[in-house]
Amino acid sequence: MNTTISDLSKFTAALVRGDGLSAASRAEMTKPQLHLATSNEFPLFSPDAPASQQRKDLYAGLGVIVFDGPQGLAFSKAATTARPPTQWCVLRLLSDVS
């Protein structure tokens, strides 16, 4: 996704609030869909970590990472953008889904 910092911040704020989504759509998006068994979130084709080292609460949702945080079920959306190419901005969004 190519975007500006301003547009990315608007997108992430809307995502946290659930703007433009029905309650059912937001619940489906943030529902644990696929267990992440690798030691890193990316690359996706890394070998699974030993069962004793896997987080039992770490899942992919629909476009987000879902996990049990200190306050309960939460989701995370990470985005990286460069503007200009020599300056990087990494945005990590966390939200309680309850």
N, C-alpha and C. Protein backbone atom coordinates (compact mmCIF):
# COMPACT_ATOMS: atom_id res chain seq x y z
N MET A 1 0.85 -1.16 0.00
CA MET A 1 0.00 0.00 0.00
C MET A 1 0.90 1.23 0.00
N ASN A 2 0.71 2.11 -0.93
CA ASN A 2 1.39 3.40 -0.96
C ASN A 2 0.45 4.45 -0.43
N THR A 3 0.89 5.21 0.55
CA THR A 3 0.02 6.20 1.17
C THR A 3 0.86 7.30 1.80
N THR A 4 0.20 8.30 2.29
CA THR A 4 0.87 9.37 3.04
C THR A 4 0.71 9.09 4.53
N ILE A 5 1.53 9.71 5.34
CA ILE A 5 1.41 9.56 6.79
C ILE A 5 0.03 10.03 7.25
N SER A 6 -0.44 11.13 6.69
CA SER A 6 -1.75 11.67 7.06
C SER A 6 -2.87 10.68 6.75
N ASP A 7 -2.87 10.13 5.54
CA ASP A 7 -3.92 9.17 5.17
C ASP A 7 -3.81 7.89 5.98
N LEU A 8 -2.59 7.44 6.26
CA LEU A 8 -2.42 6.23 7.04
C LEU A 8 -2.95 6.41 8.46
N SER A 9 -2.72 7.58 9.04
CA SER A 9 -3.24 7.83 10.40
C SER A 9 -4.77 7.87 10.39
N LYS A 10 -5.38 8.45 9.35
CA LYS A 10 -6.84 8.46 9.24
C LYS A 10 -7.38 7.04 9.10
N PHE A 11 -6.70 6.23 8.26
CA PHE A 11 -7.12 4.84 8.07
C PHE A 11 -7.06 4.06 9.37
N THR A 12 -5.97 4.18 10.10
CA THR A 12 -5.81 3.40 11.33
C THR A 12 -6.80 3.85 12.40
N ALA A 13 -7.07 5.15 12.49
CA ALA A 13 -8.07 5.63 13.45
C ALA A 13 -9.44 5.07 13.11
N ALA A 14 -9.79 5.06 11.83
CA ALA A 14 -11.08 4.50 11.40
C ALA A 14 -11.14 3.00 11.68
N LEU A 15 -10.03 2.31 11.48
CA LEU A 15 -9.98 0.87 11.75
C LEU A 15 -10.22 0.57 13.23
N VAL A 16 -9.60 1.36 14.10
CA VAL A 16 -9.79 1.17 15.54
C VAL A 16 -11.24 1.41 15.93
N ARG A 17 -11.84 2.45 15.37
CA ARG A 17 -13.23 2.78 15.70
C ARG A 17 -14.22 1.84 15.03
N GLY A 18 -13.82 1.17 13.95
CA GLY A 18 -14.73 0.31 13.21
C GLY A 18 -15.57 1.08 12.21
N ASP A 19 -15.14 2.30 11.85
CA ASP A 19 -15.88 3.11 10.89
C ASP A 19 -16.06 2.35 9.58
N GLY A 20 -17.27 2.39 9.05
CA GLY A 20 -17.54 1.77 7.76
C GLY A 20 -17.75 0.27 7.81
N LEU A 21 -17.71 -0.30 8.99
CA LEU A 21 -17.90 -1.74 9.15
C LEU A 21 -19.12 -2.01 10.02
N SER A 22 -19.88 -3.01 9.67
CA SER A 22 -20.95 -3.44 10.56
C SER A 22 -20.31 -4.14 11.77
N ALA A 23 -21.06 -4.27 12.84
CA ALA A 23 -20.54 -4.97 14.02
C ALA A 23 -20.15 -6.40 13.66
N ALA A 24 -20.94 -7.04 12.81
CA ALA A 24 -20.64 -8.42 12.41
C ALA A 24 -19.36 -8.48 11.58
N SER A 25 -19.16 -7.52 10.68
CA SER A 25 -17.95 -7.49 9.85
C SER A 25 -16.71 -7.25 10.71
N ARG A 26 -16.81 -6.32 11.65
CA ARG A 26 -15.67 -6.04 12.52
C ARG A 26 -15.35 -7.24 13.39
N ALA A 27 -16.37 -7.92 13.89
CA ALA A 27 -16.15 -9.12 14.70
C ALA A 27 -15.47 -10.21 13.88
N GLU A 28 -15.89 -10.38 12.63
CA GLU A 28 -15.27 -11.39 11.76
C GLU A 28 -13.83 -11.03 11.45
N MET A 29 -13.56 -9.75 11.21
CA MET A 29 -12.21 -9.29 10.88
C MET A 29 -11.24 -9.53 12.03
N THR A 30 -11.70 -9.34 13.26
CA THR A 30 -10.82 -9.45 14.42
C THR A 30 -10.93 -10.79 15.12
N LYS A 31 -11.61 -11.74 14.50
CA LYS A 31 -11.72 -13.10 15.06
C LYS A 31 -10.45 -13.88 14.71
N PRO A 32 -9.90 -14.64 15.66
CA PRO A 32 -8.76 -15.49 15.34
C PRO A 32 -9.09 -16.44 14.20
N GLN A 33 -8.33 -16.37 13.11
CA GLN A 33 -8.61 -17.19 11.93
C GLN A 33 -7.55 -18.28 11.72
N LEU A 34 -6.28 -17.92 11.90
CA LEU A 34 -5.18 -18.84 11.61
C LEU A 34 -4.11 -18.69 12.68
N HIS A 35 -3.81 -19.77 13.38
CA HIS A 35 -2.79 -19.72 14.43
C HIS A 35 -1.42 -19.43 13.81
N LEU A 36 -0.67 -18.49 14.39
CA LEU A 36 0.69 -18.18 13.94
C LEU A 36 1.65 -18.98 14.80
N ALA A 37 2.25 -20.01 14.20
CA ALA A 37 3.11 -20.94 14.94
C ALA A 37 4.59 -20.67 14.71
N THR A 38 4.91 -19.66 13.89
CA THR A 38 6.31 -19.34 13.62
C THR A 38 6.87 -18.46 14.72
N SER A 39 8.18 -18.38 14.81
CA SER A 39 8.79 -17.55 15.84
C SER A 39 8.71 -16.06 15.49
N ASN A 40 8.50 -15.74 14.21
CA ASN A 40 8.32 -14.36 13.76
C ASN A 40 7.02 -14.27 12.99
N GLU A 41 6.43 -13.09 12.99
CA GLU A 41 5.21 -12.87 12.23
C GLU A 41 5.47 -13.03 10.74
N PHE A 42 6.62 -12.55 10.27
CA PHE A 42 6.99 -12.65 8.86
C PHE A 42 8.43 -13.15 8.78
N PRO A 43 8.83 -13.91 7.78
CA PRO A 43 8.08 -14.33 6.60
C PRO A 43 7.10 -15.44 6.94
N LEU A 44 6.04 -15.51 6.19
CA LEU A 44 4.97 -16.46 6.48
C LEU A 44 5.37 -17.91 6.27
N PHE A 45 6.41 -18.15 5.47
CA PHE A 45 6.78 -19.52 5.15
C PHE A 45 7.94 -20.02 6.00
N SER A 46 8.19 -19.38 7.13
CA SER A 46 9.20 -19.86 8.06
C SER A 46 8.71 -21.15 8.70
N PRO A 47 9.64 -22.00 9.13
CA PRO A 47 9.19 -23.22 9.80
C PRO A 47 8.52 -22.89 11.13
N ASP A 48 7.61 -23.76 11.54
CA ASP A 48 6.95 -23.56 12.84
C ASP A 48 7.98 -23.65 13.95
N ALA A 49 7.79 -22.86 14.98
CA ALA A 49 8.61 -22.94 16.18
C ALA A 49 8.20 -24.20 16.95
N PRO A 50 9.08 -24.72 17.80
CA PRO A 50 8.66 -25.85 18.64
C PRO A 50 7.42 -25.45 19.44
N ALA A 51 6.54 -26.39 19.69
CA ALA A 51 5.28 -26.11 20.39
C ALA A 51 5.50 -25.36 21.70
N SER A 52 6.58 -25.68 22.41
CA SER A 52 6.84 -25.04 23.70
C SER A 52 7.20 -23.55 23.55
N GLN A 53 7.59 -23.13 22.34
CA GLN A 53 7.98 -21.74 22.10
C GLN A 53 6.90 -20.93 21.37
N GLN A 54 5.80 -21.57 21.01
CA GLN A 54 4.73 -20.88 20.30
C GLN A 54 3.83 -20.15 21.28
N ARG A 55 3.36 -18.99 20.87
CA ARG A 55 2.33 -18.29 21.65
C ARG A 55 0.99 -18.91 21.29
N LYS A 56 0.29 -19.40 22.27
CA LYS A 56 -0.99 -20.06 22.04
C LYS A 56 -2.09 -19.06 21.68
N ASP A 57 -1.85 -17.76 21.94
CA ASP A 57 -2.87 -16.73 21.73
C ASP A 57 -2.62 -15.88 20.49
N LEU A 58 -1.68 -16.24 19.62
CA LEU A 58 -1.30 -15.39 18.49
C LEU A 58 -1.90 -15.94 17.20
N TYR A 59 -2.77 -15.15 16.58
CA TYR A 59 -3.49 -15.57 15.38
C TYR A 59 -3.51 -14.47 14.33
N ALA A 60 -3.69 -14.86 13.10
CA ALA A 60 -4.00 -13.91 12.04
C ALA A 60 -5.51 -13.79 11.98
N GLY A 61 -5.99 -12.55 11.91
CA GLY A 61 -7.39 -12.28 11.63
C GLY A 61 -7.49 -11.96 10.15
N LEU A 62 -8.48 -11.21 9.76
CA LEU A 62 -8.61 -10.78 8.37
C LEU A 62 -7.95 -9.41 8.21
N GLY A 63 -6.65 -9.41 7.90
CA GLY A 63 -5.90 -8.17 7.73
C GLY A 63 -5.29 -7.63 8.99
N VAL A 64 -5.43 -8.33 10.09
CA VAL A 64 -4.86 -7.91 11.37
C VAL A 64 -4.29 -9.12 12.09
N ILE A 65 -3.46 -8.87 13.09
CA ILE A 65 -2.96 -9.92 13.98
C ILE A 65 -3.80 -9.84 15.26
N VAL A 66 -4.29 -10.97 15.73
CA VAL A 66 -5.17 -11.03 16.89
C VAL A 66 -4.43 -11.75 18.02
N PHE A 67 -4.54 -11.23 19.23
CA PHE A 67 -3.84 -11.83 20.37
C PHE A 67 -4.55 -11.46 21.67
N ASP A 68 -4.22 -12.18 22.74
CA ASP A 68 -4.71 -11.83 24.07
C ASP A 68 -3.70 -10.88 24.70
N GLY A 69 -4.11 -9.64 24.91
CA GLY A 69 -3.25 -8.65 25.54
C GLY A 69 -3.57 -8.53 27.02
N PRO A 70 -2.89 -7.64 27.71
CA PRO A 70 -3.12 -7.47 29.16
C PRO A 70 -4.56 -7.11 29.51
N GLN A 71 -5.27 -6.42 28.61
CA GLN A 71 -6.65 -6.03 28.86
C GLN A 71 -7.65 -6.95 28.16
N GLY A 72 -7.19 -8.04 27.56
CA GLY A 72 -8.08 -8.97 26.88
C GLY A 72 -7.76 -9.06 25.39
N LEU A 73 -8.71 -9.58 24.62
CA LEU A 73 -8.51 -9.78 23.19
C LEU A 73 -8.24 -8.45 22.50
N ALA A 74 -7.22 -8.41 21.65
CA ALA A 74 -6.83 -7.18 20.96
C ALA A 74 -6.39 -7.53 19.55
N PHE A 75 -6.24 -6.51 18.71
CA PHE A 75 -5.69 -6.73 17.38
C PHE A 75 -4.60 -5.72 17.11
N SER A 76 -3.74 -6.08 16.17
CA SER A 76 -2.61 -5.25 15.80
C SER A 76 -2.56 -5.16 14.29
N LYS A 77 -2.28 -3.99 13.79
CA LYS A 77 -2.10 -3.78 12.36
C LYS A 77 -0.81 -3.01 12.21
N ALA A 78 0.13 -3.56 11.46
CA ALA A 78 1.40 -2.88 11.24
C ALA A 78 1.45 -2.41 9.80
N ALA A 79 1.99 -1.25 9.60
CA ALA A 79 2.15 -0.70 8.26
C ALA A 79 3.47 0.03 8.20
N THR A 80 4.14 -0.10 7.11
CA THR A 80 5.40 0.59 6.90
C THR A 80 5.28 1.42 5.63
N THR A 81 5.72 2.64 5.71
CA THR A 81 5.67 3.49 4.54
C THR A 81 6.93 4.33 4.47
N ALA A 82 7.30 4.73 3.30
CA ALA A 82 8.48 5.58 3.13
C ALA A 82 8.07 6.81 2.35
N ARG A 83 8.41 7.99 2.89
CA ARG A 83 8.10 9.26 2.21
C ARG A 83 9.04 10.31 2.70
N PRO A 84 10.05 10.73 2.10
CA PRO A 84 10.68 10.20 0.88
C PRO A 84 11.40 8.88 1.17
N PRO A 85 11.97 8.24 0.14
CA PRO A 85 12.54 6.90 0.31
C PRO A 85 13.63 6.80 1.38
N THR A 86 14.25 7.90 1.76
CA THR A 86 15.32 7.82 2.75
C THR A 86 14.81 7.93 4.17
N GLN A 87 13.54 8.21 4.36
CA GLN A 87 12.98 8.35 5.70
C GLN A 87 11.84 7.35 5.87
N TRP A 88 11.94 6.52 6.89
CA TRP A 88 10.94 5.48 7.11
C TRP A 88 10.06 5.83 8.30
N CYS A 89 8.83 5.44 8.21
CA CYS A 89 7.90 5.56 9.33
C CYS A 89 7.25 4.20 9.52
N VAL A 90 7.29 3.69 10.72
CA VAL A 90 6.63 2.42 11.03
C VAL A 90 5.53 2.72 12.02
N LEU A 91 4.34 2.28 11.70
CA LEU A 91 3.18 2.51 12.54
C LEU A 91 2.67 1.18 13.03
N ARG A 92 2.53 1.03 14.31
CA ARG A 92 1.99 -0.20 14.90
C ARG A 92 0.73 0.18 15.65
N LEU A 93 -0.37 -0.37 15.24
CA LEU A 93 -1.68 -0.04 15.80
C LEU A 93 -2.15 -1.18 16.67
N LEU A 94 -2.54 -0.87 17.89
CA LEU A 94 -3.07 -1.88 18.80
C LEU A 94 -4.44 -1.42 19.27
N SER A 95 -5.37 -2.35 19.36
CA SER A 95 -6.71 -1.98 19.81
C SER A 95 -7.37 -3.13 20.54
N ASP A 96 -8.07 -2.80 21.59
CA ASP A 96 -8.91 -3.75 22.28
C ASP A 96 -10.15 -3.98 21.43
N VAL A 97 -10.52 -5.22 21.18
CA VAL A 97 -11.67 -5.50 20.31
C VAL A 97 -12.97 -5.68 21.09
N SER A 98 -12.90 -5.59 22.39
CA SER A 98 -14.14 -5.78 23.16
C SER A 98 -14.97 -4.51 23.20
